[in-house]
Structures are given as C-alpha cells and as structure tokens.
Amino acid sequence: ESPGLNPNLFPFENVKNFVITCHGLGGSKNHSTLITK
C-alpha cells in the first residue's frame, strides 16, 4: 500500500546497499538508530 522510497533503495534482487534508519518525529521513546542491508 505504501512502498515509500524502498524501490529506490533496493530496486532489484541481491542489490547491495546499506541504510541507516532512525525513528520518526513525535515519538515518546529515546532516540534510536539501526543500520540494515
């Protein structure tokens, strides 16, 4: 329903990329970040 920009980050099978992800704005939890491929 909402693919976002994922087709630009991982457009095809076995593409090599690394993404740093953080939580969105307005949350109650402390800042978090995680990297993924």
ModelCIF file with pLDDT and N, C-alpha, C, O atoms, coordinates in Angstrom:
data_MODEL
#
_entry.id   MODEL 
#
_entity.id                         1 
_entity.type                       polymer 
_entity.pdbx_number_of_molecules   1 
#
_entity_poly.entity_id                      1 
_entity_poly.type                           'polypeptide(L)' 
_entity_poly.nstd_linkage                   no 
_entity_poly.nstd_monomer                   no 
_entity_poly.pdbx_seq_one_letter_code       ESPGLNPNLFPFENVKNFVITCHGLGGSKNHSTLITK 
_entity_poly.pdbx_seq_one_letter_code_can   ESPGLNPNLFPFENVKNFVITCHGLGGSKNHSTLITK 
_entity_poly.pdbx_strand_id                 A 
#
loop_
_entity_poly_seq.entity_id 
_entity_poly_seq.num 
_entity_poly_seq.mon_id 
_entity_poly_seq.hetero 
1 1  GLU n 
1 2  SER n 
1 3  PRO n 
1 4  GLY n 
1 5  LEU n 
1 6  ASN n 
1 7  PRO n 
1 8  ASN n 
1 9  LEU n 
1 10 PHE n 
1 11 PRO n 
1 12 PHE n 
1 13 GLU n 
1 14 ASN n 
1 15 VAL n 
1 16 LYS n 
1 17 ASN n 
1 18 PHE n 
1 19 VAL n 
1 20 ILE n 
1 21 THR n 
1 22 CYS n 
1 23 HIS n 
1 24 GLY n 
1 25 LEU n 
1 26 GLY n 
1 27 GLY n 
1 28 SER n 
1 29 LYS n 
1 30 ASN n 
1 31 HIS n 
1 32 SER n 
1 33 THR n 
1 34 LEU n 
1 35 ILE n 
1 36 THR n 
1 37 LYS n 
#
_struct_asym.id          A 
_struct_asym.entity_id   1 
#
loop_
_ma_qa_metric.id 
_ma_qa_metric.mode 
_ma_qa_metric.name 
_ma_qa_metric.software_group_id 
_ma_qa_metric.type 
1 global pLDDT . pLDDT 
2 local  pLDDT . pLDDT 
#
_ma_qa_metric_global.metric_id      1 
_ma_qa_metric_global.metric_value   92.49 
_ma_qa_metric_global.model_id       1 
_ma_qa_metric_global.ordinal_id     1 
#
loop_
_ma_qa_metric_local.label_asym_id 
_ma_qa_metric_local.label_comp_id 
_ma_qa_metric_local.label_seq_id 
_ma_qa_metric_local.metric_id 
_ma_qa_metric_local.metric_value 
_ma_qa_metric_local.model_id 
_ma_qa_metric_local.ordinal_id 
A GLU 1  2 92.00 1 1  
A SER 2  2 91.00 1 2  
A PRO 3  2 93.00 1 3  
A GLY 4  2 90.00 1 4  
A LEU 5  2 90.00 1 5  
A ASN 6  2 93.00 1 6  
A PRO 7  2 93.00 1 7  
A ASN 8  2 95.00 1 8  
A LEU 9  2 96.00 1 9  
A PHE 10 2 94.00 1 10 
A PRO 11 2 90.00 1 11 
A PHE 12 2 83.00 1 12 
A GLU 13 2 80.00 1 13 
A ASN 14 2 85.00 1 14 
A VAL 15 2 91.00 1 15 
A LYS 16 2 93.00 1 16 
A ASN 17 2 97.00 1 17 
A PHE 18 2 98.00 1 18 
A VAL 19 2 98.00 1 19 
A ILE 20 2 98.00 1 20 
A THR 21 2 97.00 1 21 
A CYS 22 2 96.00 1 22 
A HIS 23 2 92.00 1 23 
A GLY 24 2 93.00 1 24 
A LEU 25 2 90.00 1 25 
A GLY 26 2 87.00 1 26 
A GLY 27 2 87.00 1 27 
A SER 28 2 89.00 1 28 
A LYS 29 2 90.00 1 29 
A ASN 30 2 91.00 1 30 
A HIS 31 2 92.00 1 31 
A SER 32 2 93.00 1 32 
A THR 33 2 96.00 1 33 
A LEU 34 2 97.00 1 34 
A ILE 35 2 98.00 1 35 
A THR 36 2 97.00 1 36 
A LYS 37 2 97.00 1 37 
#
loop_
_atom_site.group_PDB 
_atom_site.id 
_atom_site.type_symbol 
_atom_site.label_atom_id 
_atom_site.label_alt_id 
_atom_site.label_comp_id 
_atom_site.label_asym_id 
_atom_site.label_entity_id 
_atom_site.label_seq_id 
_atom_site.pdbx_PDB_ins_code 
_atom_site.Cartn_x 
_atom_site.Cartn_y 
_atom_site.Cartn_z 
_atom_site.occupancy 
_atom_site.B_iso_or_equiv 
_atom_site.pdbx_formal_charge 
_atom_site.auth_seq_id 
_atom_site.auth_comp_id 
_atom_site.auth_asym_id 
_atom_site.auth_atom_id 
_atom_site.pdbx_PDB_model_num 
ATOM 1   N N  . GLU A 1 1  ? 0.814  -1.216 0.000  1.00 92.00 ? 1  GLU A N  1 
ATOM 2   C CA . GLU A 1 1  ? 0.000  0.000  0.000  1.00 92.00 ? 1  GLU A CA 1 
ATOM 3   C C  . GLU A 1 1  ? 0.849  1.268  0.000  1.00 92.00 ? 1  GLU A C  1 
ATOM 4   O O  . GLU A 1 1  ? 0.524  2.236  -0.688 1.00 92.00 ? 1  GLU A O  1 
ATOM 5   N N  . SER A 1 2  ? 1.932  1.261  0.769  1.00 91.00 ? 2  SER A N  1 
ATOM 6   C CA . SER A 1 2  ? 2.810  2.444  0.837  1.00 91.00 ? 2  SER A CA 1 
ATOM 7   C C  . SER A 1 2  ? 4.266  1.996  0.704  1.00 91.00 ? 2  SER A C  1 
ATOM 8   O O  . SER A 1 2  ? 4.943  1.811  1.715  1.00 91.00 ? 2  SER A O  1 
ATOM 9   N N  . PRO A 1 3  ? 4.756  1.821  -0.514 1.00 93.00 ? 3  PRO A N  1 
ATOM 10  C CA . PRO A 1 3  ? 6.138  1.335  -0.702 1.00 93.00 ? 3  PRO A CA 1 
ATOM 11  C C  . PRO A 1 3  ? 7.201  2.343  -0.320 1.00 93.00 ? 3  PRO A C  1 
ATOM 12  O O  . PRO A 1 3  ? 8.364  1.982  -0.137 1.00 93.00 ? 3  PRO A O  1 
ATOM 13  N N  . GLY A 1 4  ? 6.807  3.628  -0.196 1.00 90.00 ? 4  GLY A N  1 
ATOM 14  C CA . GLY A 1 4  ? 7.789  4.654  0.145  1.00 90.00 ? 4  GLY A CA 1 
ATOM 15  C C  . GLY A 1 4  ? 8.889  4.726  -0.908 1.00 90.00 ? 4  GLY A C  1 
ATOM 16  O O  . GLY A 1 4  ? 8.637  4.573  -2.103 1.00 90.00 ? 4  GLY A O  1 
ATOM 17  N N  . LEU A 1 5  ? 10.117 4.964  -0.439 1.00 90.00 ? 5  LEU A N  1 
ATOM 18  C CA . LEU A 1 5  ? 11.258 5.050  -1.356 1.00 90.00 ? 5  LEU A CA 1 
ATOM 19  C C  . LEU A 1 5  ? 12.030 3.742  -1.454 1.00 90.00 ? 5  LEU A C  1 
ATOM 20  O O  . LEU A 1 5  ? 13.106 3.693  -2.049 1.00 90.00 ? 5  LEU A O  1 
ATOM 21  N N  . ASN A 1 6  ? 11.472 2.672  -0.863 1.00 93.00 ? 6  ASN A N  1 
ATOM 22  C CA . ASN A 1 6  ? 12.177 1.389  -0.900 1.00 93.00 ? 6  ASN A CA 1 
ATOM 23  C C  . ASN A 1 6  ? 12.536 0.924  -2.306 1.00 93.00 ? 6  ASN A C  1 
ATOM 24  O O  . ASN A 1 6  ? 13.604 0.339  -2.486 1.00 93.00 ? 6  ASN A O  1 
ATOM 25  N N  . PRO A 1 7  ? 11.679 1.162  -3.327 1.00 93.00 ? 7  PRO A N  1 
ATOM 26  C CA . PRO A 1 7  ? 12.071 0.760  -4.683 1.00 93.00 ? 7  PRO A CA 1 
ATOM 27  C C  . PRO A 1 7  ? 13.335 1.460  -5.175 1.00 93.00 ? 7  PRO A C  1 
ATOM 28  O O  . PRO A 1 7  ? 14.003 0.963  -6.082 1.00 93.00 ? 7  PRO A O  1 
ATOM 29  N N  . ASN A 1 8  ? 13.667 2.609  -4.586 1.00 95.00 ? 8  ASN A N  1 
ATOM 30  C CA . ASN A 1 8  ? 14.896 3.312  -4.958 1.00 95.00 ? 8  ASN A CA 1 
ATOM 31  C C  . ASN A 1 8  ? 16.107 2.838  -4.153 1.00 95.00 ? 8  ASN A C  1 
ATOM 32  O O  . ASN A 1 8  ? 17.250 3.007  -4.576 1.00 95.00 ? 8  ASN A O  1 
ATOM 33  N N  . LEU A 1 9  ? 15.841 2.242  -2.987 1.00 96.00 ? 9  LEU A N  1 
ATOM 34  C CA . LEU A 1 9  ? 16.934 1.770  -2.141 1.00 96.00 ? 9  LEU A CA 1 
ATOM 35  C C  . LEU A 1 9  ? 17.305 0.327  -2.450 1.00 96.00 ? 9  LEU A C  1 
ATOM 36  O O  . LEU A 1 9  ? 18.480 -0.042 -2.427 1.00 96.00 ? 9  LEU A O  1 
ATOM 37  N N  . PHE A 1 10 ? 16.286 -0.491 -2.740 1.00 94.00 ? 10 PHE A N  1 
ATOM 38  C CA . PHE A 1 10 ? 16.502 -1.908 -3.050 1.00 94.00 ? 10 PHE A CA 1 
ATOM 39  C C  . PHE A 1 10 ? 15.669 -2.263 -4.274 1.00 94.00 ? 10 PHE A C  1 
ATOM 40  O O  . PHE A 1 10 ? 14.660 -2.959 -4.157 1.00 94.00 ? 10 PHE A O  1 
ATOM 41  N N  . PRO A 1 11 ? 16.081 -1.790 -5.447 1.00 90.00 ? 11 PRO A N  1 
ATOM 42  C CA . PRO A 1 11 ? 15.254 -1.919 -6.650 1.00 90.00 ? 11 PRO A CA 1 
ATOM 43  C C  . PRO A 1 11 ? 15.212 -3.308 -7.270 1.00 90.00 ? 11 PRO A C  1 
ATOM 44  O O  . PRO A 1 11 ? 14.307 -3.608 -8.049 1.00 90.00 ? 11 PRO A O  1 
ATOM 45  N N  . PHE A 1 12 ? 16.177 -4.159 -6.937 1.00 83.00 ? 12 PHE A N  1 
ATOM 46  C CA . PHE A 1 12 ? 16.198 -5.485 -7.548 1.00 83.00 ? 12 PHE A CA 1 
ATOM 47  C C  . PHE A 1 12 ? 16.839 -6.470 -6.584 1.00 83.00 ? 12 PHE A C  1 
ATOM 48  O O  . PHE A 1 12 ? 17.463 -6.080 -5.597 1.00 83.00 ? 12 PHE A O  1 
ATOM 49  N N  . GLU A 1 13 ? 16.678 -7.742 -6.884 1.00 80.00 ? 13 GLU A N  1 
ATOM 50  C CA . GLU A 1 13 ? 17.154 -8.807 -6.010 1.00 80.00 ? 13 GLU A CA 1 
ATOM 51  C C  . GLU A 1 13 ? 18.679 -8.753 -5.882 1.00 80.00 ? 13 GLU A C  1 
ATOM 52  O O  . GLU A 1 13 ? 19.395 -8.521 -6.857 1.00 80.00 ? 13 GLU A O  1 
ATOM 53  N N  . ASN A 1 14 ? 19.154 -8.975 -4.654 1.00 85.00 ? 14 ASN A N  1 
ATOM 54  C CA . ASN A 1 14 ? 20.592 -9.053 -4.350 1.00 85.00 ? 14 ASN A CA 1 
ATOM 55  C C  . ASN A 1 14 ? 21.329 -7.730 -4.532 1.00 85.00 ? 14 ASN A C  1 
ATOM 56  O O  . ASN A 1 14 ? 22.557 -7.722 -4.615 1.00 85.00 ? 14 ASN A O  1 
ATOM 57  N N  . VAL A 1 15 ? 20.609 -6.611 -4.596 1.00 91.00 ? 15 VAL A N  1 
ATOM 58  C CA . VAL A 1 15 ? 21.291 -5.323 -4.662 1.00 91.00 ? 15 VAL A CA 1 
ATOM 59  C C  . VAL A 1 15 ? 22.003 -5.067 -3.339 1.00 91.00 ? 15 VAL A C  1 
ATOM 60  O O  . VAL A 1 15 ? 21.459 -5.353 -2.273 1.00 91.00 ? 15 VAL A O  1 
ATOM 61  N N  . LYS A 1 16 ? 23.218 -4.529 -3.407 1.00 93.00 ? 16 LYS A N  1 
ATOM 62  C CA . LYS A 1 16 ? 23.986 -4.258 -2.199 1.00 93.00 ? 16 LYS A CA 1 
ATOM 63  C C  . LYS A 1 16 ? 23.818 -2.798 -1.811 1.00 93.00 ? 16 LYS A C  1 
ATOM 64  O O  . LYS A 1 16 ? 24.164 -1.890 -2.567 1.00 93.00 ? 16 LYS A O  1 
ATOM 65  N N  . ASN A 1 17 ? 23.276 -2.594 -0.613 1.00 97.00 ? 17 ASN A N  1 
ATOM 66  C CA . ASN A 1 17 ? 23.102 -1.233 -0.121 1.00 97.00 ? 17 ASN A CA 1 
ATOM 67  C C  . ASN A 1 17 ? 23.044 -1.277 1.398  1.00 97.00 ? 17 ASN A C  1 
ATOM 68  O O  . ASN A 1 17 ? 22.707 -2.304 1.988  1.00 97.00 ? 17 ASN A O  1 
ATOM 69  N N  . PHE A 1 18 ? 23.374 -0.156 2.024  1.00 98.00 ? 18 PHE A N  1 
ATOM 70  C CA . PHE A 1 18 ? 23.280 -0.042 3.472  1.00 98.00 ? 18 PHE A CA 1 
ATOM 71  C C  . PHE A 1 18 ? 22.460 1.203  3.799  1.00 98.00 ? 18 PHE A C  1 
ATOM 72  O O  . PHE A 1 18 ? 22.605 2.245  3.159  1.00 98.00 ? 18 PHE A O  1 
ATOM 73  N N  . VAL A 1 19 ? 21.594 1.074  4.810  1.00 98.00 ? 19 VAL A N  1 
ATOM 74  C CA . VAL A 1 19 ? 20.679 2.149  5.157  1.00 98.00 ? 19 VAL A CA 1 
ATOM 75  C C  . VAL A 1 19 ? 20.703 2.370  6.665  1.00 98.00 ? 19 VAL A C  1 
ATOM 76  O O  . VAL A 1 19 ? 20.531 1.430  7.441  1.00 98.00 ? 19 VAL A O  1 
ATOM 77  N N  . ILE A 1 20 ? 20.916 3.611  7.072  1.00 98.00 ? 20 ILE A N  1 
ATOM 78  C CA . ILE A 1 20 ? 20.787 3.988  8.479  1.00 98.00 ? 20 ILE A CA 1 
ATOM 79  C C  . ILE A 1 20 ? 19.348 4.425  8.704  1.00 98.00 ? 20 ILE A C  1 
ATOM 80  O O  . ILE A 1 20 ? 18.845 5.313  8.016  1.00 98.00 ? 20 ILE A O  1 
ATOM 81  N N  . THR A 1 21 ? 18.687 3.794  9.672  1.00 97.00 ? 21 THR A N  1 
ATOM 82  C CA . THR A 1 21 ? 17.297 4.154  9.939  1.00 97.00 ? 21 THR A CA 1 
ATOM 83  C C  . THR A 1 21 ? 17.155 4.702  11.354 1.00 97.00 ? 21 THR A C  1 
ATOM 84  O O  . THR A 1 21 ? 17.785 4.211  12.290 1.00 97.00 ? 21 THR A O  1 
ATOM 85  N N  . CYS A 1 22 ? 16.321 5.724  11.495 1.00 96.00 ? 22 CYS A N  1 
ATOM 86  C CA . CYS A 1 22 ? 16.020 6.333  12.794 1.00 96.00 ? 22 CYS A CA 1 
ATOM 87  C C  . CYS A 1 22 ? 14.505 6.371  12.969 1.00 96.00 ? 22 CYS A C  1 
ATOM 88  O O  . CYS A 1 22 ? 13.756 6.197  12.008 1.00 96.00 ? 22 CYS A O  1 
ATOM 89  N N  . HIS A 1 23 ? 14.064 6.599  14.197 1.00 92.00 ? 23 HIS A N  1 
ATOM 90  C CA . HIS A 1 23 ? 12.624 6.715  14.405 1.00 92.00 ? 23 HIS A CA 1 
ATOM 91  C C  . HIS A 1 23 ? 12.115 8.055  13.884 1.00 92.00 ? 23 HIS A C  1 
ATOM 92  O O  . HIS A 1 23 ? 12.886 9.000  13.712 1.00 92.00 ? 23 HIS A O  1 
ATOM 93  N N  . GLY A 1 24 ? 10.821 8.126  13.638 1.00 93.00 ? 24 GLY A N  1 
ATOM 94  C CA . GLY A 1 24 ? 10.222 9.353  13.122 1.00 93.00 ? 24 GLY A CA 1 
ATOM 95  C C  . GLY A 1 24 ? 10.060 10.406 14.204 1.00 93.00 ? 24 GLY A C  1 
ATOM 96  O O  . GLY A 1 24 ? 10.520 10.235 15.333 1.00 93.00 ? 24 GLY A O  1 
ATOM 97  N N  . LEU A 1 25 ? 9.407  11.487 13.844 1.00 90.00 ? 25 LEU A N  1 
ATOM 98  C CA . LEU A 1 25 ? 9.240  12.615 14.763 1.00 90.00 ? 25 LEU A CA 1 
ATOM 99  C C  . LEU A 1 25 ? 7.985  12.439 15.614 1.00 90.00 ? 25 LEU A C  1 
ATOM 100 O O  . LEU A 1 25 ? 6.986  11.872 15.170 1.00 90.00 ? 25 LEU A O  1 
ATOM 101 N N  . GLY A 1 26 ? 8.061  12.938 16.845 1.00 87.00 ? 26 GLY A N  1 
ATOM 102 C CA . GLY A 1 26 ? 6.886  12.942 17.709 1.00 87.00 ? 26 GLY A CA 1 
ATOM 103 C C  . GLY A 1 26 ? 6.730  11.714 18.572 1.00 87.00 ? 26 GLY A C  1 
ATOM 104 O O  . GLY A 1 26 ? 5.711  11.565 19.248 1.00 87.00 ? 26 GLY A O  1 
ATOM 105 N N  . GLY A 1 27 ? 7.708  10.829 18.572 1.00 87.00 ? 27 GLY A N  1 
ATOM 106 C CA . GLY A 1 27 ? 7.616  9.637  19.406 1.00 87.00 ? 27 GLY A CA 1 
ATOM 107 C C  . GLY A 1 27 ? 7.962  9.941  20.858 1.00 87.00 ? 27 GLY A C  1 
ATOM 108 O O  . GLY A 1 27 ? 8.466  11.018 21.177 1.00 87.00 ? 27 GLY A O  1 
ATOM 109 N N  . SER A 1 28 ? 7.684  8.973  21.737 1.00 89.00 ? 28 SER A N  1 
ATOM 110 C CA . SER A 1 28 ? 7.946  9.155  23.168 1.00 89.00 ? 28 SER A CA 1 
ATOM 111 C C  . SER A 1 28 ? 9.237  8.480  23.614 1.00 89.00 ? 28 SER A C  1 
ATOM 112 O O  . SER A 1 28 ? 9.772  8.805  24.674 1.00 89.00 ? 28 SER A O  1 
ATOM 113 N N  . LYS A 1 29 ? 9.741  7.540  22.810 1.00 90.00 ? 29 LYS A N  1 
ATOM 114 C CA . LYS A 1 29 ? 10.938 6.799  23.199 1.00 90.00 ? 29 LYS A CA 1 
ATOM 115 C C  . LYS A 1 29 ? 12.198 7.616  22.914 1.00 90.00 ? 29 LYS A C  1 
ATOM 116 O O  . LYS A 1 29 ? 12.189 8.546  22.107 1.00 90.00 ? 29 LYS A O  1 
ATOM 117 N N  . ASN A 1 30 ? 13.278 7.242  23.597 1.00 91.00 ? 30 ASN A N  1 
ATOM 118 C CA . ASN A 1 30 ? 14.558 7.901  23.352 1.00 91.00 ? 30 ASN A CA 1 
ATOM 119 C C  . ASN A 1 30 ? 15.048 7.581  21.939 1.00 91.00 ? 30 ASN A C  1 
ATOM 120 O O  . ASN A 1 30 ? 14.635 6.596  21.327 1.00 91.00 ? 30 ASN A O  1 
ATOM 121 N N  . HIS A 1 31 ? 15.928 8.431  21.446 1.00 92.00 ? 31 HIS A N  1 
ATOM 122 C CA . HIS A 1 31 ? 16.433 8.287  20.083 1.00 92.00 ? 31 HIS A CA 1 
ATOM 123 C C  . HIS A 1 31 ? 17.025 6.904  19.841 1.00 92.00 ? 31 HIS A C  1 
ATOM 124 O O  . HIS A 1 31 ? 17.760 6.371  20.673 1.00 92.00 ? 31 HIS A O  1 
ATOM 125 N N  . SER A 1 32 ? 16.693 6.336  18.692 1.00 93.00 ? 32 SER A N  1 
ATOM 126 C CA . SER A 1 32 ? 17.231 5.036  18.298 1.00 93.00 ? 32 SER A CA 1 
ATOM 127 C C  . SER A 1 32 ? 17.685 5.091  16.849 1.00 93.00 ? 32 SER A C  1 
ATOM 128 O O  . SER A 1 32 ? 17.140 5.840  16.038 1.00 93.00 ? 32 SER A O  1 
ATOM 129 N N  . THR A 1 33 ? 18.674 4.300  16.546 1.00 96.00 ? 33 THR A N  1 
ATOM 130 C CA . THR A 1 33 ? 19.133 4.174  15.167 1.00 96.00 ? 33 THR A CA 1 
ATOM 131 C C  . THR A 1 33 ? 19.635 2.766  14.941 1.00 96.00 ? 33 THR A C  1 
ATOM 132 O O  . THR A 1 33 ? 20.151 2.127  15.858 1.00 96.00 ? 33 THR A O  1 
ATOM 133 N N  . LEU A 1 34 ? 19.486 2.285  13.724 1.00 97.00 ? 34 LEU A N  1 
ATOM 134 C CA . LEU A 1 34 ? 19.919 0.934  13.384 1.00 97.00 ? 34 LEU A CA 1 
ATOM 135 C C  . LEU A 1 34 ? 20.281 0.901  11.910 1.00 97.00 ? 34 LEU A C  1 
ATOM 136 O O  . LEU A 1 34 ? 19.627 1.554  11.096 1.00 97.00 ? 34 LEU A O  1 
ATOM 137 N N  . ILE A 1 35 ? 21.306 0.155  11.558 1.00 98.00 ? 35 ILE A N  1 
ATOM 138 C CA . ILE A 1 35 ? 21.716 0.036  10.170 1.00 98.00 ? 35 ILE A CA 1 
ATOM 139 C C  . ILE A 1 35 ? 21.263 -1.316 9.625  1.00 98.00 ? 35 ILE A C  1 
ATOM 140 O O  . ILE A 1 35 ? 21.221 -2.305 10.357 1.00 98.00 ? 35 ILE A O  1 
ATOM 141 N N  . THR A 1 36 ? 20.929 -1.354 8.351  1.00 97.00 ? 36 THR A N  1 
ATOM 142 C CA . THR A 1 36 ? 20.464 -2.590 7.738  1.00 97.00 ? 36 THR A CA 1 
ATOM 143 C C  . THR A 1 36 ? 20.915 -2.654 6.284  1.00 97.00 ? 36 THR A C  1 
ATOM 144 O O  . THR A 1 36 ? 21.247 -1.640 5.670  1.00 97.00 ? 36 THR A O  1 
ATOM 145 N N  . LYS A 1 37 ? 20.916 -3.860 5.756  1.00 97.00 ? 37 LYS A N  1 
ATOM 146 C CA . LYS A 1 37 ? 21.191 -4.052 4.329  1.00 97.00 ? 37 LYS A CA 1 
ATOM 147 C C  . LYS A 1 37 ? 19.953 -4.596 3.621  1.00 97.00 ? 37 LYS A C  1 
ATOM 148 O O  . LYS A 1 37 ? 19.984 -4.825 2.412  1.00 97.00 ? 37 LYS A O  1 
#
